[in-house]
Amino acid sequence: MRVLIIEDEKNLAETLQQMLKQNRFDSDAAFDGESGLSYAREGSYDLIILDVMLPKMNGFALVEQLRKEGDATPVLMLTAKSSVEDYVHGLDLGADYYLTKPFEMQELLACVRALTRRRGEVVMDELKFGDLVLNKSTCELLCGERSMRLGKKEFSIMHILMMNGNVVVSKDELLKRAWGVGTEAEDNNVEVYISFLRKKLRFLHTNVQIDTLRKFGYKLIEGGK
């Protein structure tokens, strides 16, 4: 597996390369947007780790350009920006996942594994889990012929859960990703939106459920309808 890292913080880029090497991933690094775009065009990569704030060309413009050129390589975006608007904007342009700095290296590695596992089946505008489909362009959740449009918070939470698959996601993590670092939102805000999503899953007659693990968090499971 080959990974392209586009990150202007050279120390961070080198740390990422070392971590990837220890986990048997080959990697190249570029330190500005224009160089990163050239690497992406010229190389054959299984994943691109892309910072948003880059000199010469920012990450949003870069991923948008790649998608316009028909490059469907999975993109994991890294950013210090934590607003939901930035998160959704990156996904709308074609990114596959979004990590807010600072992040744990093990968390990033889990994302790398998940995205490279799906390399052969990535569909730019859709995520799938069981019989459930999340359309990233329309923010719709679909199962068979039924569909429900999600609000911003519902979309963010469902996107995170579907990207993590069977892996438990903590309430703190959902708060950080969906509401942003430093949010004043609390655990019960997450619980409210999980309740909304469960009602929509029941309406869709999907076999996918949101499982609660007390004191740990939530994960998606496949069960009976």
C-alpha atoms as a PDB file:
ATOM      1  CA  MET A   1       0.000   0.000   0.000  1.00  0.00           C
ATOM      2  CA  ARG A   2       1.265   3.471  -0.923  1.00  0.00           C
ATOM      3  CA  VAL A   3       0.242   6.648   0.866  1.00  0.00           C
ATOM      4  CA  LEU A   4       0.834  10.253  -0.189  1.00  0.00           C
ATOM      5  CA  ILE A   5       1.192  12.741   2.673  1.00  0.00           C
ATOM      6  CA  ILE A   6       0.620  16.402   1.768  1.00  0.00           C
ATOM      7  CA  GLU A   7       1.475  18.366   4.904  1.00  0.00           C
ATOM      8  CA  ASP A   8       3.505  21.578   5.286  1.00  0.00           C
ATOM      9  CA  GLU A   9       4.502  20.828   8.895  1.00  0.00           C
ATOM     10  CA  LYS A  10       7.606  18.793   8.072  1.00  0.00           C
ATOM     11  CA  ASN A  11       7.997  17.330  11.549  1.00  0.00           C
ATOM     12  CA  LEU A  12       4.440  16.026  11.446  1.00  0.00           C
ATOM     13  CA  ALA A  13       4.905  14.675   7.919  1.00  0.00           C
ATOM     14  CA  GLU A  14       8.065  12.828   8.992  1.00  0.00           C
ATOM     15  CA  THR A  15       6.298  11.426  12.070  1.00  0.00           C
ATOM     16  CA  LEU A  16       3.456  10.174   9.870  1.00  0.00           C
ATOM     17  CA  GLN A  17       5.927   8.553   7.486  1.00  0.00           C
ATOM     18  CA  GLN A  18       7.677   6.746  10.345  1.00  0.00           C
ATOM     19  CA  MET A  19       4.372   5.510  11.752  1.00  0.00           C
ATOM     20  CA  LEU A  20       3.229   4.285   8.336  1.00  0.00           C
ATOM     21  CA  LYS A  21       6.534   2.527   7.733  1.00  0.00           C
ATOM     22  CA  GLN A  22       6.219   0.706  11.067  1.00  0.00           C
ATOM     23  CA  ASN A  23       2.816  -0.505   9.883  1.00  0.00           C
ATOM     24  CA  ARG A  24       4.092  -1.636   6.472  1.00  0.00           C
ATOM     25  CA  PHE A  25       2.835   1.276   4.386  1.00  0.00           C
ATOM     26  CA  ASP A  26       5.114   2.945   1.858  1.00  0.00           C
ATOM     27  CA  SER A  27       4.749   6.718   1.676  1.00  0.00           C
ATOM     28  CA  ASP A  28       5.838   9.891  -0.101  1.00  0.00           C
ATOM     29  CA  ALA A  29       5.599  13.403   1.323  1.00  0.00           C
ATOM     30  CA  ALA A  30       4.943  16.776  -0.281  1.00  0.00           C
ATOM     31  CA  PHE A  31       5.038  20.054   1.650  1.00  0.00           C
ATOM     32  CA  ASP A  32       2.818  22.380  -0.396  1.00  0.00           C
ATOM     33  CA  GLY A  33      -0.352  22.060  -2.420  1.00  0.00           C
ATOM     34  CA  GLU A  34       1.136  22.410  -5.882  1.00  0.00           C
ATOM     35  CA  SER A  35       3.786  19.754  -5.241  1.00  0.00           C
ATOM     36  CA  GLY A  36       1.172  17.523  -3.668  1.00  0.00           C
ATOM     37  CA  LEU A  37      -1.049  17.786  -6.723  1.00  0.00           C
ATOM     38  CA  SER A  38       1.888  16.848  -8.960  1.00  0.00           C
ATOM     39  CA  TYR A  39       2.703  13.826  -6.788  1.00  0.00           C
ATOM     40  CA  ALA A  40      -0.947  12.735  -6.853  1.00  0.00           C
ATOM     41  CA  ARG A  41      -1.129  13.049 -10.631  1.00  0.00           C
ATOM     42  CA  GLU A  42       2.132  11.248 -11.296  1.00  0.00           C
ATOM     43  CA  GLY A  43       1.970   8.489  -8.679  1.00  0.00           C
ATOM     44  CA  SER A  44      -0.329   5.587  -7.985  1.00  0.00           C
ATOM     45  CA  TYR A  45      -1.512   5.884  -4.373  1.00  0.00           C
ATOM     46  CA  ASP A  46      -3.977   3.939  -2.260  1.00  0.00           C
ATOM     47  CA  LEU A  47      -4.620   6.907   0.034  1.00  0.00           C
ATOM     48  CA  ILE A  48      -3.862  10.619   0.293  1.00  0.00           C
ATOM     49  CA  ILE A  49      -3.441  12.260   3.710  1.00  0.00           C
ATOM     50  CA  LEU A  50      -4.102  15.922   3.019  1.00  0.00           C
ATOM     51  CA  ASP A  51      -3.726  18.993   5.229  1.00  0.00           C
ATOM     52  CA  VAL A  52      -6.201  21.814   4.606  1.00  0.00           C
ATOM     53  CA  MET A  53      -3.963  24.834   5.282  1.00  0.00           C
ATOM     54  CA  LEU A  54      -1.188  24.498   2.710  1.00  0.00           C
ATOM     55  CA  PRO A  55       0.977  27.045   0.883  1.00  0.00           C
ATOM     56  CA  LYS A  56       0.457  27.569  -2.879  1.00  0.00           C
ATOM     57  CA  MET A  57      -2.808  25.559  -3.002  1.00  0.00           C
ATOM     58  CA  ASN A  58      -5.034  24.718  -0.040  1.00  0.00           C
ATOM     59  CA  GLY A  59      -6.368  21.240   0.621  1.00  0.00           C
ATOM     60  CA  PHE A  60      -9.951  22.093  -0.343  1.00  0.00           C
ATOM     61  CA  ALA A  61      -8.856  23.302  -3.788  1.00  0.00           C
ATOM     62  CA  LEU A  62      -6.557  20.307  -4.185  1.00  0.00           C
ATOM     63  CA  VAL A  63      -9.156  17.625  -3.467  1.00  0.00           C
ATOM     64  CA  GLU A  64     -11.680  19.447  -5.652  1.00  0.00           C
ATOM     65  CA  GLN A  65      -9.199  19.458  -8.545  1.00  0.00           C
ATOM     66  CA  LEU A  66      -8.420  15.759  -8.132  1.00  0.00           C
ATOM     67  CA  ARG A  67     -12.099  14.852  -8.216  1.00  0.00           C
ATOM     68  CA  LYS A  68     -12.657  17.006 -11.313  1.00  0.00           C
ATOM     69  CA  GLU A  69      -9.871  15.046 -13.000  1.00  0.00           C
ATOM     70  CA  GLY A  70     -11.572  11.775 -12.115  1.00  0.00           C
ATOM     71  CA  ASP A  71      -9.109  10.730  -9.407  1.00  0.00           C
ATOM     72  CA  ALA A  72     -11.088   8.665  -6.870  1.00  0.00           C
ATOM     73  CA  THR A  73      -8.179   7.954  -4.497  1.00  0.00           C
ATOM     74  CA  PRO A  74      -9.502   8.077  -0.899  1.00  0.00           C
ATOM     75  CA  VAL A  75      -8.584  11.340   0.849  1.00  0.00           C
ATOM     76  CA  LEU A  76      -8.160  11.751   4.601  1.00  0.00           C
ATOM     77  CA  MET A  77      -8.132  15.464   5.417  1.00  0.00           C
ATOM     78  CA  LEU A  78      -6.254  16.934   8.392  1.00  0.00           C
ATOM     79  CA  THR A  79      -7.167  20.340   9.699  1.00  0.00           C
ATOM     80  CA  ALA A  80      -7.043  22.674  12.661  1.00  0.00           C
ATOM     81  CA  LYS A  81     -10.474  23.924  11.581  1.00  0.00           C
ATOM     82  CA  SER A  82     -13.211  22.301  13.625  1.00  0.00           C
ATOM     83  CA  SER A  83     -16.476  23.896  12.448  1.00  0.00           C
ATOM     84  CA  VAL A  84     -19.185  21.669  11.016  1.00  0.00           C
ATOM     85  CA  GLU A  85     -19.284  23.898   7.928  1.00  0.00           C
ATOM     86  CA  ASP A  86     -15.626  23.171   7.145  1.00  0.00           C
ATOM     87  CA  TYR A  87     -16.157  19.476   7.816  1.00  0.00           C
ATOM     88  CA  VAL A  88     -19.145  19.278   5.469  1.00  0.00           C
ATOM     89  CA  HIS A  89     -17.399  21.467   2.877  1.00  0.00           C
ATOM     90  CA  GLY A  90     -14.451  19.065   2.722  1.00  0.00           C
ATOM     91  CA  LEU A  91     -16.760  16.067   2.322  1.00  0.00           C
ATOM     92  CA  ASP A  92     -18.794  17.849  -0.344  1.00  0.00           C
ATOM     93  CA  LEU A  93     -15.637  18.476  -2.374  1.00  0.00           C
ATOM     94  CA  GLY A  94     -14.788  14.767  -2.326  1.00  0.00           C
ATOM     95  CA  ALA A  95     -12.842  14.021   0.853  1.00  0.00           C
ATOM     96  CA  ASP A  96     -13.630  10.671   2.459  1.00  0.00           C
ATOM     97  CA  TYR A  97     -12.853  11.454   6.088  1.00  0.00           C
ATOM     98  CA  TYR A  98     -11.828  14.390   8.240  1.00  0.00           C
ATOM     99  CA  LEU A  99      -9.553  14.490  11.313  1.00  0.00           C
ATOM    100  CA  THR A 100      -9.190  17.606  13.439  1.00  0.00           C
ATOM    101  CA  LYS A 101      -5.772  18.456  14.869  1.00  0.00           C
ATOM    102  CA  PRO A 102      -4.565  17.488  17.379  1.00  0.00           C
ATOM    103  CA  PHE A 103      -5.373  13.816  16.899  1.00  0.00           C
ATOM    104  CA  GLU A 104      -4.070  10.543  18.273  1.00  0.00           C
ATOM    105  CA  MET A 105      -1.753   8.634  15.945  1.00  0.00           C
ATOM    106  CA  GLN A 106      -3.644   5.401  16.621  1.00  0.00           C
ATOM    107  CA  GLU A 107      -6.835   7.137  15.537  1.00  0.00           C
ATOM    108  CA  LEU A 108      -5.235   8.237  12.280  1.00  0.00           C
ATOM    109  CA  LEU A 109      -3.835   4.759  11.701  1.00  0.00           C
ATOM    110  CA  ALA A 110      -7.307   3.253  12.181  1.00  0.00           C
ATOM    111  CA  CYS A 111      -8.639   5.661   9.539  1.00  0.00           C
ATOM    112  CA  VAL A 112      -5.811   4.708   7.180  1.00  0.00           C
ATOM    113  CA  ARG A 113      -6.599   1.019   7.594  1.00  0.00           C
ATOM    114  CA  ALA A 114     -10.332   1.575   7.062  1.00  0.00           C
ATOM    115  CA  LEU A 115      -9.867   3.697   3.938  1.00  0.00           C
ATOM    116  CA  THR A 116      -7.268   1.443   2.323  1.00  0.00           C
ATOM    117  CA  ARG A 117      -9.421  -1.638   3.023  1.00  0.00           C
ATOM    118  CA  ARG A 118     -12.160   0.017   1.034  1.00  0.00           C
ATOM    119  CA  ARG A 119      -9.843   1.195  -1.757  1.00  0.00           C
ATOM    120  CA  GLY A 120     -11.354  -1.108  -4.335  1.00  0.00           C
ATOM    121  CA  GLU A 121     -14.931  -0.240  -3.499  1.00  0.00           C
ATOM    122  CA  VAL A 122     -14.804   3.503  -2.835  1.00  0.00           C
ATOM    123  CA  VAL A 123     -17.694   5.356  -4.455  1.00  0.00           C
ATOM    124  CA  MET A 124     -17.063   9.064  -4.278  1.00  0.00           C
ATOM    125  CA  ASP A 125     -20.537  10.091  -3.210  1.00  0.00           C
ATOM    126  CA  GLU A 126     -21.585   7.099  -1.111  1.00  0.00           C
ATOM    127  CA  LEU A 127     -20.732   5.205   2.044  1.00  0.00           C
ATOM    128  CA  LYS A 128     -22.197   1.747   2.654  1.00  0.00           C
ATOM    129  CA  PHE A 129     -22.736  -0.376   5.742  1.00  0.00           C
ATOM    130  CA  GLY A 130     -24.926  -3.457   5.549  1.00  0.00           C
ATOM    131  CA  ASP A 131     -28.011  -2.553   3.507  1.00  0.00           C
ATOM    132  CA  LEU A 132     -27.622   1.131   4.395  1.00  0.00           C
ATOM    133  CA  VAL A 133     -26.258   3.812   2.034  1.00  0.00           C
ATOM    134  CA  LEU A 134     -25.254   7.366   2.954  1.00  0.00           C
ATOM    135  CA  ASN A 135     -25.217   9.725  -0.020  1.00  0.00           C
ATOM    136  CA  LYS A 136     -22.667  12.440   0.753  1.00  0.00           C
ATOM    137  CA  SER A 137     -23.876  14.782  -1.990  1.00  0.00           C
ATOM    138  CA  THR A 138     -27.525  14.868  -0.939  1.00  0.00           C
ATOM    139  CA  CYS A 139     -27.109  14.033   2.787  1.00  0.00           C
ATOM    140  CA  GLU A 140     -29.664  11.256   2.286  1.00  0.00           C
ATOM    141  CA  LEU A 141     -29.726   7.935   4.119  1.00  0.00           C
ATOM    142  CA  LEU A 142     -31.134   5.147   1.955  1.00  0.00           C
ATOM    143  CA  CYS A 143     -32.225   1.540   2.335  1.00  0.00           C
ATOM    144  CA  GLY A 144     -33.766  -0.068  -0.714  1.00  0.00           C
ATOM    145  CA  GLU A 145     -36.430   2.266  -2.086  1.00  0.00           C
ATOM    146  CA  ARG A 146     -36.782   4.250   1.147  1.00  0.00           C
ATOM    147  CA  SER A 147     -34.750   7.366   1.918  1.00  0.00           C
ATOM    148  CA  MET A 148     -34.485  10.053   4.600  1.00  0.00           C
ATOM    149  CA  ARG A 149     -32.677  13.389   4.368  1.00  0.00           C
ATOM    150  CA  LEU A 150     -30.407  14.079   7.351  1.00  0.00           C
ATOM    151  CA  GLY A 151     -29.710  17.349   9.102  1.00  0.00           C
ATOM    152  CA  LYS A 152     -26.104  18.544   9.440  1.00  0.00           C
ATOM    153  CA  LYS A 153     -25.478  17.012  12.860  1.00  0.00           C
ATOM    154  CA  GLU A 154     -27.251  13.773  11.938  1.00  0.00           C
ATOM    155  CA  PHE A 155     -25.194  13.558   8.752  1.00  0.00           C
ATOM    156  CA  SER A 156     -21.915  14.203  10.582  1.00  0.00           C
ATOM    157  CA  ILE A 157     -22.632  11.556  13.233  1.00  0.00           C
ATOM    158  CA  MET A 158     -23.825   8.942  10.738  1.00  0.00           C
ATOM    159  CA  HIS A 159     -20.815   9.610   8.506  1.00  0.00           C
ATOM    160  CA  ILE A 160     -18.451   9.075  11.434  1.00  0.00           C
ATOM    161  CA  LEU A 161     -20.220   5.868  12.509  1.00  0.00           C
ATOM    162  CA  MET A 162     -20.263   4.443   8.978  1.00  0.00           C
ATOM    163  CA  MET A 163     -16.597   5.280   8.410  1.00  0.00           C
ATOM    164  CA  ASN A 164     -15.706   3.426  11.606  1.00  0.00           C
ATOM    165  CA  GLY A 165     -17.940   0.451  10.823  1.00  0.00           C
ATOM    166  CA  ASN A 166     -17.858  -2.040  13.686  1.00  0.00           C
ATOM    167  CA  VAL A 167     -15.420   0.095  15.711  1.00  0.00           C
ATOM    168  CA  VAL A 168     -16.799   1.858  18.809  1.00  0.00           C
ATOM    169  CA  VAL A 169     -16.819   5.670  18.641  1.00  0.00           C
ATOM    170  CA  SER A 170     -16.892   7.482  21.986  1.00  0.00           C
ATOM    171  CA  LYS A 171     -19.264  10.334  22.834  1.00  0.00           C
ATOM    172  CA  ASP A 172     -16.264  12.628  23.254  1.00  0.00           C
ATOM    173  CA  GLU A 173     -15.121  11.768  19.746  1.00  0.00           C
ATOM    174  CA  LEU A 174     -18.573  12.443  18.286  1.00  0.00           C
ATOM    175  CA  LEU A 175     -18.728  15.762  20.112  1.00  0.00           C
ATOM    176  CA  LYS A 176     -15.302  16.776  18.833  1.00  0.00           C
ATOM    177  CA  ARG A 177     -16.016  15.767  15.226  1.00  0.00           C
ATOM    178  CA  ALA A 178     -19.640  16.871  14.875  1.00  0.00           C
ATOM    179  CA  TRP A 179     -19.651  19.970  17.101  1.00  0.00           C
ATOM    180  CA  GLY A 180     -15.972  20.966  16.969  1.00  0.00           C
ATOM    181  CA  VAL A 181     -13.125  21.221  19.455  1.00  0.00           C
ATOM    182  CA  GLY A 182     -13.992  23.464  22.404  1.00  0.00           C
ATOM    183  CA  THR A 183     -17.728  23.025  21.940  1.00  0.00           C
ATOM    184  CA  GLU A 184     -20.052  23.676  24.866  1.00  0.00           C
ATOM    185  CA  ALA A 185     -22.290  20.805  23.742  1.00  0.00           C
ATOM    186  CA  GLU A 186     -22.579  17.919  26.212  1.00  0.00           C
ATOM    187  CA  ASP A 187     -23.110  14.162  26.166  1.00  0.00           C
ATOM    188  CA  ASN A 188     -26.874  14.534  26.135  1.00  0.00           C
ATOM    189  CA  ASN A 189     -26.633  16.419  22.826  1.00  0.00           C
ATOM    190  CA  VAL A 190     -25.098  13.322  21.288  1.00  0.00           C
ATOM    191  CA  GLU A 191     -27.785  11.149  22.857  1.00  0.00           C
ATOM    192  CA  VAL A 192     -30.529  13.312  21.337  1.00  0.00           C
ATOM    193  CA  TYR A 193     -29.127  12.993  17.810  1.00  0.00           C
ATOM    194  CA  ILE A 194     -28.486   9.274  18.215  1.00  0.00           C
ATOM    195  CA  SER A 195     -32.184   8.988  19.131  1.00  0.00           C
ATOM    196  CA  PHE A 196     -33.139  10.932  15.983  1.00  0.00           C
ATOM    197  CA  LEU A 197     -30.998   8.628  13.852  1.00  0.00           C
ATOM    198  CA  ARG A 198     -32.459   5.489  15.414  1.00  0.00           C
ATOM    199  CA  LYS A 199     -35.969   6.673  14.511  1.00  0.00           C
ATOM    200  CA  LYS A 200     -34.864   7.217  10.927  1.00  0.00           C
ATOM    201  CA  LEU A 201     -33.250   3.787  10.784  1.00  0.00           C
ATOM    202  CA  ARG A 202     -36.519   2.245  11.948  1.00  0.00           C
ATOM    203  CA  PHE A 203     -38.416   4.159   9.261  1.00  0.00           C
ATOM    204  CA  LEU A 204     -36.004   2.884   6.614  1.00  0.00           C
ATOM    205  CA  HIS A 205     -36.548  -0.747   7.721  1.00  0.00           C
ATOM    206  CA  THR A 206     -32.794  -1.298   7.599  1.00  0.00           C
ATOM    207  CA  ASN A 207     -31.049  -4.203   9.315  1.00  0.00           C
ATOM    208  CA  VAL A 208     -28.427  -1.723  10.605  1.00  0.00           C
ATOM    209  CA  GLN A 209     -28.711  -0.573  14.203  1.00  0.00           C
ATOM    210  CA  ILE A 210     -26.784   1.838  16.424  1.00  0.00           C
ATOM    211  CA  ASP A 211     -25.507  -0.152  19.367  1.00  0.00           C
ATOM    212  CA  THR A 212     -24.747   1.555  22.702  1.00  0.00           C
ATOM    213  CA  LEU A 213     -21.811   0.337  24.776  1.00  0.00           C
ATOM    214  CA  ARG A 214     -22.181   1.898  28.213  1.00  0.00           C
ATOM    215  CA  LYS A 215     -19.219   4.080  29.227  1.00  0.00           C
ATOM    216  CA  PHE A 216     -17.617   3.500  25.804  1.00  0.00           C
ATOM    217  CA  GLY A 217     -19.789   4.922  23.024  1.00  0.00           C
ATOM    218  CA  TYR A 218     -21.613   3.776  19.920  1.00  0.00           C
ATOM    219  CA  LYS A 219     -21.060   1.539  16.914  1.00  0.00           C
ATOM    220  CA  LEU A 220     -23.057   0.226  13.989  1.00  0.00           C
ATOM    221  CA  ILE A 221     -24.139  -3.399  13.931  1.00  0.00           C
ATOM    222  CA  GLU A 222     -26.160  -5.503  11.519  1.00  0.00           C
ATOM    223  CA  GLY A 223     -29.164  -7.216  13.036  1.00  0.00           C
ATOM    224  CA  GLY A 224     -32.714  -8.170  12.280  1.00  0.00           C
ATOM    225  CA  LYS A 225     -35.150  -5.674  10.833  1.00  0.00           C
END
